[in-house]
Amino acid sequence: MASFSERHGYTPKKALQLESMDDDLRIGLFNVIYDTYLFGGLDYHQLWSRFFKQPLNELHKRRIGEIPDSVKDLIEVTCRDSVWYKVYDLVEYISSVEEDVLIASNFEQKCNTVLEREKSAYRLLKGQIVPISSDAELSEIEKAIDALFPVQIHLQRALELFSDRENPDYRNSIKESISAVEAICNCILGTQGKTLGEALKEIENNTSITLHPAKKKAFLALYGYTSDSGGIRHGLSNKDIPADEEDAYFMLVTCSAFINYLKVKASKAGITL
């Protein structure tokens, strides 16, 4: 909610922070890291040597079980003074190496609270900082990633390829998103290797699941886009149009939503996934 001064025009409303990070956002993220890991729990040796790339012989523990001051200092300097994307690199790294599911979930939730409050154009999702169009779309991806193992593997890979700041691979991200839909269809059928077209037809013919004709037609059209001679799933040719960020994001969100739709349909049909 906007503050009193923002609502009454005494201070300007905060703009969406895309490829930027103001002090409020920096301090907010630092406070989440500090609050979550103040008394330990973070693998600071790995953080010190692999993320900050500092020599281990310079790392000294002040007290058993606590994160050394030298690590805390580097975390604070990074959050306060580094270029904006290095702060997100740090948040990603901490999230991705956390092995405790509850701590990781709590850390992600707190980070996203700060990111939303401070009008960041990004959210933390399963160890990846991703650009967002809406929190509803983020929720669809998150629910879909929590699906069965083969679905999870494809969607996680799609997210990684999409979110790679230095070398994003939108074409292969789209491939993985579609593969995740094929995976959920095969899980429903108890089969392996069926294409999306084959699987959707068999789901309607051999299960009690009824798919809305418009949804089925729309998704088969999207599948056709990825599979025709000039599409995503074939080798590049002179006629190919490169996949852009918006294409990959659209497919990631759309495939995630369709996966969640199929999960609900399967549950109502009494199919245990």
Protein backbone atom coordinates (compact mmCIF):
# COMPACT_ATOMS: atom_id res chain seq x y z
CA MET A 1 0.00 0.00 0.00
CA ALA A 2 1.23 3.48 -0.81
CA SER A 3 2.36 5.58 2.14
CA PHE A 4 0.54 8.73 3.33
CA SER A 5 3.10 10.98 1.65
CA GLU A 6 2.80 9.06 -1.63
CA ARG A 7 -1.02 9.08 -1.59
CA HIS A 8 -1.12 12.83 -1.03
CA GLY A 9 1.62 13.73 -3.48
CA TYR A 10 4.28 14.87 -1.01
CA THR A 11 6.73 12.26 -2.28
CA PRO A 12 6.72 10.61 -5.73
CA LYS A 13 5.42 7.06 -6.01
CA LYS A 14 8.18 4.50 -6.43
CA ALA A 15 8.65 3.30 -10.01
CA LEU A 16 9.09 -0.36 -10.92
CA GLN A 17 12.74 -1.28 -10.39
CA LEU A 18 13.92 -2.97 -13.58
CA GLU A 19 17.70 -3.36 -13.92
CA SER A 20 18.11 -1.10 -10.90
CA MET A 21 17.98 -1.29 -7.12
CA ASP A 22 17.47 1.56 -4.65
CA ASP A 23 18.71 1.67 -1.06
CA ASP A 24 15.39 0.49 0.40
CA LEU A 25 15.49 -2.68 -1.70
CA ARG A 26 19.16 -3.30 -0.98
CA ILE A 27 18.72 -2.94 2.78
CA GLY A 28 15.53 -4.99 2.74
CA LEU A 29 17.27 -7.95 1.08
CA PHE A 30 20.27 -7.62 3.40
CA ASN A 31 17.94 -7.68 6.41
CA VAL A 32 16.29 -10.88 5.18
CA ILE A 33 19.69 -12.58 4.79
CA TYR A 34 20.84 -11.29 8.17
CA ASP A 35 17.60 -12.24 9.92
CA THR A 36 17.57 -15.75 8.42
CA TYR A 37 21.23 -16.61 8.98
CA LEU A 38 22.37 -14.42 11.87
CA PHE A 39 23.17 -17.37 14.14
CA GLY A 40 24.45 -19.75 11.51
CA GLY A 41 22.85 -22.30 9.25
CA LEU A 42 24.57 -20.92 6.17
CA ASP A 43 27.50 -22.78 4.66
CA TYR A 44 29.79 -19.79 4.99
CA HIS A 45 32.90 -21.71 3.84
CA GLN A 46 31.21 -22.36 0.50
CA LEU A 47 29.89 -18.80 0.33
CA TRP A 48 33.33 -17.38 1.12
CA SER A 49 35.27 -19.51 -1.35
CA ARG A 50 32.81 -20.13 -4.19
CA PHE A 51 30.67 -17.00 -4.32
CA PHE A 52 33.02 -14.33 -2.97
CA LYS A 53 36.06 -16.28 -4.26
CA GLN A 54 38.21 -15.47 -1.24
CA PRO A 55 41.08 -17.63 0.11
CA LEU A 56 40.00 -19.94 2.90
CA ASN A 57 43.07 -19.23 5.01
CA GLU A 58 41.74 -15.70 5.57
CA LEU A 59 38.48 -16.98 7.02
CA HIS A 60 38.35 -17.10 10.81
CA LYS A 61 35.43 -18.11 12.98
CA ARG A 62 34.67 -15.81 15.87
CA ARG A 63 32.63 -18.44 17.71
CA ILE A 64 31.55 -21.98 16.94
CA GLY A 65 28.18 -22.02 15.17
CA GLU A 66 28.19 -18.37 14.16
CA ILE A 67 28.82 -16.86 10.77
CA PRO A 68 32.18 -15.06 10.93
CA ASP A 69 32.20 -11.27 10.87
CA SER A 70 34.31 -11.36 7.71
CA VAL A 71 31.48 -13.14 5.84
CA LYS A 72 28.83 -10.82 7.28
CA ASP A 73 30.88 -7.83 6.20
CA LEU A 74 31.14 -9.09 2.63
CA ILE A 75 27.40 -9.78 2.51
CA GLU A 76 26.67 -6.26 3.73
CA VAL A 77 29.13 -4.62 1.31
CA THR A 78 27.63 -6.60 -1.58
CA CYS A 79 24.07 -5.64 -0.68
CA ARG A 80 24.87 -1.97 -0.08
CA ASP A 81 27.47 -1.13 -2.71
CA SER A 82 27.62 -3.70 -5.53
CA VAL A 83 25.98 -3.27 -8.92
CA TRP A 84 22.30 -4.29 -8.68
CA TYR A 85 22.61 -7.67 -10.37
CA LYS A 86 25.36 -8.83 -7.99
CA VAL A 87 22.90 -8.45 -5.12
CA TYR A 88 20.49 -10.72 -6.96
CA ASP A 89 23.38 -13.12 -7.66
CA LEU A 90 23.98 -13.32 -3.91
CA VAL A 91 20.31 -13.91 -3.10
CA GLU A 92 20.13 -16.61 -5.79
CA TYR A 93 23.26 -18.31 -4.53
CA ILE A 94 22.11 -18.41 -0.91
CA SER A 95 18.69 -19.72 -1.93
CA SER A 96 20.05 -22.38 -4.28
CA VAL A 97 22.50 -23.91 -1.78
CA GLU A 98 20.02 -24.06 1.11
CA GLU A 99 19.25 -27.74 1.72
CA ASP A 100 16.57 -27.32 4.39
CA VAL A 101 13.24 -27.08 2.52
CA LEU A 102 11.51 -25.08 5.27
CA ILE A 103 14.33 -22.57 5.61
CA ALA A 104 14.55 -22.21 1.82
CA SER A 105 10.80 -21.63 1.56
CA ASN A 106 10.85 -19.10 4.40
CA PHE A 107 13.81 -17.28 2.84
CA GLU A 108 12.08 -17.16 -0.55
CA GLN A 109 8.85 -15.85 0.98
CA LYS A 110 10.62 -13.11 2.93
CA CYS A 111 12.69 -12.05 -0.10
CA ASN A 112 9.57 -11.87 -2.26
CA THR A 113 7.80 -9.78 0.36
CA VAL A 114 10.64 -7.25 0.14
CA LEU A 115 10.78 -7.43 -3.67
CA GLU A 116 7.06 -6.79 -3.96
CA ARG A 117 7.03 -4.03 -1.34
CA GLU A 118 9.91 -2.17 -2.96
CA LYS A 119 8.45 -2.48 -6.47
CA SER A 120 11.12 -4.80 -7.86
CA ALA A 121 10.45 -6.20 -11.33
CA TYR A 122 11.84 -9.56 -10.16
CA ARG A 123 10.88 -12.38 -7.80
CA LEU A 124 12.78 -15.31 -6.27
CA LEU A 125 11.51 -18.68 -7.45
CA LYS A 126 13.19 -21.99 -6.60
CA GLY A 127 16.66 -20.45 -6.37
CA GLN A 128 16.25 -18.28 -9.48
CA ILE A 129 15.64 -14.54 -9.77
CA VAL A 130 13.06 -14.17 -12.53
CA PRO A 131 11.48 -11.12 -14.17
CA ILE A 132 7.74 -11.05 -13.65
CA SER A 133 4.64 -9.63 -15.26
CA SER A 134 2.42 -10.47 -12.29
CA ASP A 135 2.52 -12.41 -9.04
CA ALA A 136 -0.35 -14.56 -10.34
CA GLU A 137 1.86 -15.79 -13.18
CA LEU A 138 4.66 -16.48 -10.72
CA SER A 139 2.24 -18.52 -8.63
CA GLU A 140 1.31 -20.69 -11.63
CA ILE A 141 4.99 -21.49 -12.29
CA GLU A 142 5.65 -22.22 -8.62
CA LYS A 143 2.70 -24.61 -8.31
CA ALA A 144 3.68 -26.42 -11.50
CA ILE A 145 7.31 -26.84 -10.42
CA ASP A 146 6.06 -28.57 -7.28
CA ALA A 147 4.57 -31.32 -9.47
CA LEU A 148 5.97 -34.80 -10.11
CA PHE A 149 9.68 -35.37 -10.58
CA PRO A 150 9.86 -35.49 -14.42
CA VAL A 151 7.68 -32.37 -14.70
CA GLN A 152 9.75 -30.61 -12.07
CA ILE A 153 13.02 -31.38 -13.88
CA HIS A 154 11.81 -29.90 -17.19
CA LEU A 155 10.27 -26.78 -15.65
CA GLN A 156 13.26 -26.11 -13.43
CA ARG A 157 15.50 -26.33 -16.47
CA ALA A 158 13.18 -24.04 -18.46
CA LEU A 159 13.37 -21.53 -15.62
CA GLU A 160 17.16 -21.74 -15.44
CA LEU A 161 17.58 -21.23 -19.19
CA PHE A 162 15.15 -18.32 -19.16
CA SER A 163 16.71 -16.63 -16.12
CA ASP A 164 20.38 -16.90 -17.07
CA ARG A 165 21.40 -13.23 -17.03
CA GLU A 166 24.66 -13.72 -18.92
CA ASN A 167 23.56 -16.24 -21.54
CA PRO A 168 19.78 -16.80 -21.67
CA ASP A 169 18.63 -19.61 -23.95
CA TYR A 170 15.01 -18.83 -24.78
CA ARG A 171 14.70 -21.44 -27.52
CA ASN A 172 15.65 -24.33 -25.25
CA SER A 173 13.63 -22.86 -22.39
CA ILE A 174 10.55 -23.18 -24.62
CA LYS A 175 11.51 -26.78 -25.45
CA GLU A 176 11.71 -27.63 -21.75
CA SER A 177 8.36 -25.96 -21.01
CA ILE A 178 6.60 -28.05 -23.65
CA SER A 179 8.46 -31.16 -22.48
CA ALA A 180 7.06 -30.54 -18.99
CA VAL A 181 3.52 -30.67 -20.38
CA GLU A 182 4.32 -33.91 -22.21
CA ALA A 183 5.71 -35.27 -18.94
CA ILE A 184 2.53 -34.55 -16.94
CA CYS A 185 0.43 -36.16 -19.70
CA ASN A 186 2.58 -39.28 -19.62
CA CYS A 187 2.34 -39.35 -15.81
CA ILE A 188 -1.47 -39.27 -16.07
CA LEU A 189 -1.39 -42.16 -18.56
CA GLY A 190 1.38 -44.11 -16.85
CA THR A 191 3.34 -44.09 -20.08
CA GLN A 192 6.65 -42.77 -21.36
CA GLY A 193 7.69 -40.97 -24.52
CA LYS A 194 4.29 -40.05 -25.94
CA THR A 195 4.14 -36.72 -27.76
CA LEU A 196 1.68 -34.09 -26.56
CA GLY A 197 -0.74 -34.73 -29.42
CA GLU A 198 -0.73 -38.47 -28.84
CA ALA A 199 -1.03 -38.10 -25.07
CA LEU A 200 -3.94 -35.62 -25.09
CA LYS A 201 -5.88 -37.85 -27.49
CA GLU A 202 -5.26 -40.91 -25.33
CA ILE A 203 -6.20 -39.02 -22.14
CA GLU A 204 -9.61 -38.21 -23.63
CA ASN A 205 -10.14 -41.70 -25.08
CA ASN A 206 -8.84 -43.84 -22.21
CA THR A 207 -9.52 -41.86 -19.03
CA SER A 208 -12.52 -40.10 -17.48
CA ILE A 209 -10.80 -36.74 -17.95
CA THR A 210 -12.68 -34.40 -20.26
CA LEU A 211 -10.71 -31.53 -21.73
CA HIS A 212 -12.40 -28.36 -22.90
CA PRO A 213 -12.18 -28.41 -26.73
CA ALA A 214 -10.98 -24.80 -26.92
CA LYS A 215 -8.19 -25.43 -24.39
CA LYS A 216 -7.11 -28.58 -26.17
CA LYS A 217 -7.14 -26.89 -29.58
CA ALA A 218 -5.20 -23.88 -28.30
CA PHE A 219 -2.53 -26.02 -26.72
CA LEU A 220 -2.14 -28.25 -29.74
CA ALA A 221 -1.67 -25.07 -31.78
CA LEU A 222 1.10 -23.98 -29.43
CA TYR A 223 2.64 -27.43 -29.70
CA GLY A 224 2.50 -27.11 -33.47
CA TYR A 225 4.36 -23.79 -33.20
CA THR A 226 7.20 -25.54 -31.41
CA SER A 227 7.24 -28.60 -33.67
CA ASP A 228 6.79 -27.51 -37.28
CA SER A 229 9.65 -27.38 -39.77
CA GLY A 230 10.61 -23.85 -38.77
CA GLY A 231 9.71 -24.26 -35.12
CA ILE A 232 11.52 -24.37 -31.84
CA ARG A 233 12.13 -28.12 -31.66
CA HIS A 234 13.99 -28.42 -34.96
CA GLY A 235 17.41 -27.22 -35.99
CA LEU A 236 17.81 -23.57 -36.88
CA SER A 237 17.45 -22.56 -40.51
CA ASN A 238 17.54 -19.30 -42.39
CA LYS A 239 13.75 -19.06 -42.11
CA ASP A 240 13.68 -19.39 -38.33
CA ILE A 241 12.69 -16.46 -36.14
CA PRO A 242 14.81 -16.45 -32.97
CA ALA A 243 12.88 -16.99 -29.74
CA ASP A 244 12.71 -13.84 -27.61
CA GLU A 245 12.38 -13.32 -23.87
CA GLU A 246 8.66 -12.66 -24.12
CA ASP A 247 8.15 -15.88 -26.12
CA ALA A 248 9.95 -17.97 -23.52
CA TYR A 249 8.14 -16.29 -20.62
CA PHE A 250 4.77 -16.76 -22.30
CA MET A 251 5.45 -20.46 -22.82
CA LEU A 252 6.74 -20.92 -19.28
CA VAL A 253 3.62 -19.35 -17.77
CA THR A 254 1.19 -20.98 -20.22
CA CYS A 255 2.68 -24.45 -19.87
CA SER A 256 2.72 -24.10 -16.09
CA ALA A 257 -0.95 -23.09 -16.07
CA PHE A 258 -1.87 -26.03 -18.32
CA ILE A 259 0.07 -28.44 -16.09
CA ASN A 260 -1.85 -27.16 -13.06
CA TYR A 261 -5.11 -27.52 -15.02
CA LEU A 262 -4.28 -31.15 -15.87
CA LYS A 263 -3.33 -31.90 -12.25
CA VAL A 264 -6.75 -30.71 -11.06
CA LYS A 265 -8.51 -32.64 -13.82
CA ALA A 266 -6.61 -35.81 -12.91
CA SER A 267 -7.44 -35.41 -9.23
CA LYS A 268 -11.15 -35.00 -9.98
CA ALA A 269 -11.01 -38.10 -12.17
CA GLY A 270 -9.53 -40.09 -9.28
CA ILE A 271 -6.10 -40.46 -10.91
CA THR A 272 -3.30 -40.43 -8.35
CA LEU A 273 -0.15 -38.71 -9.57
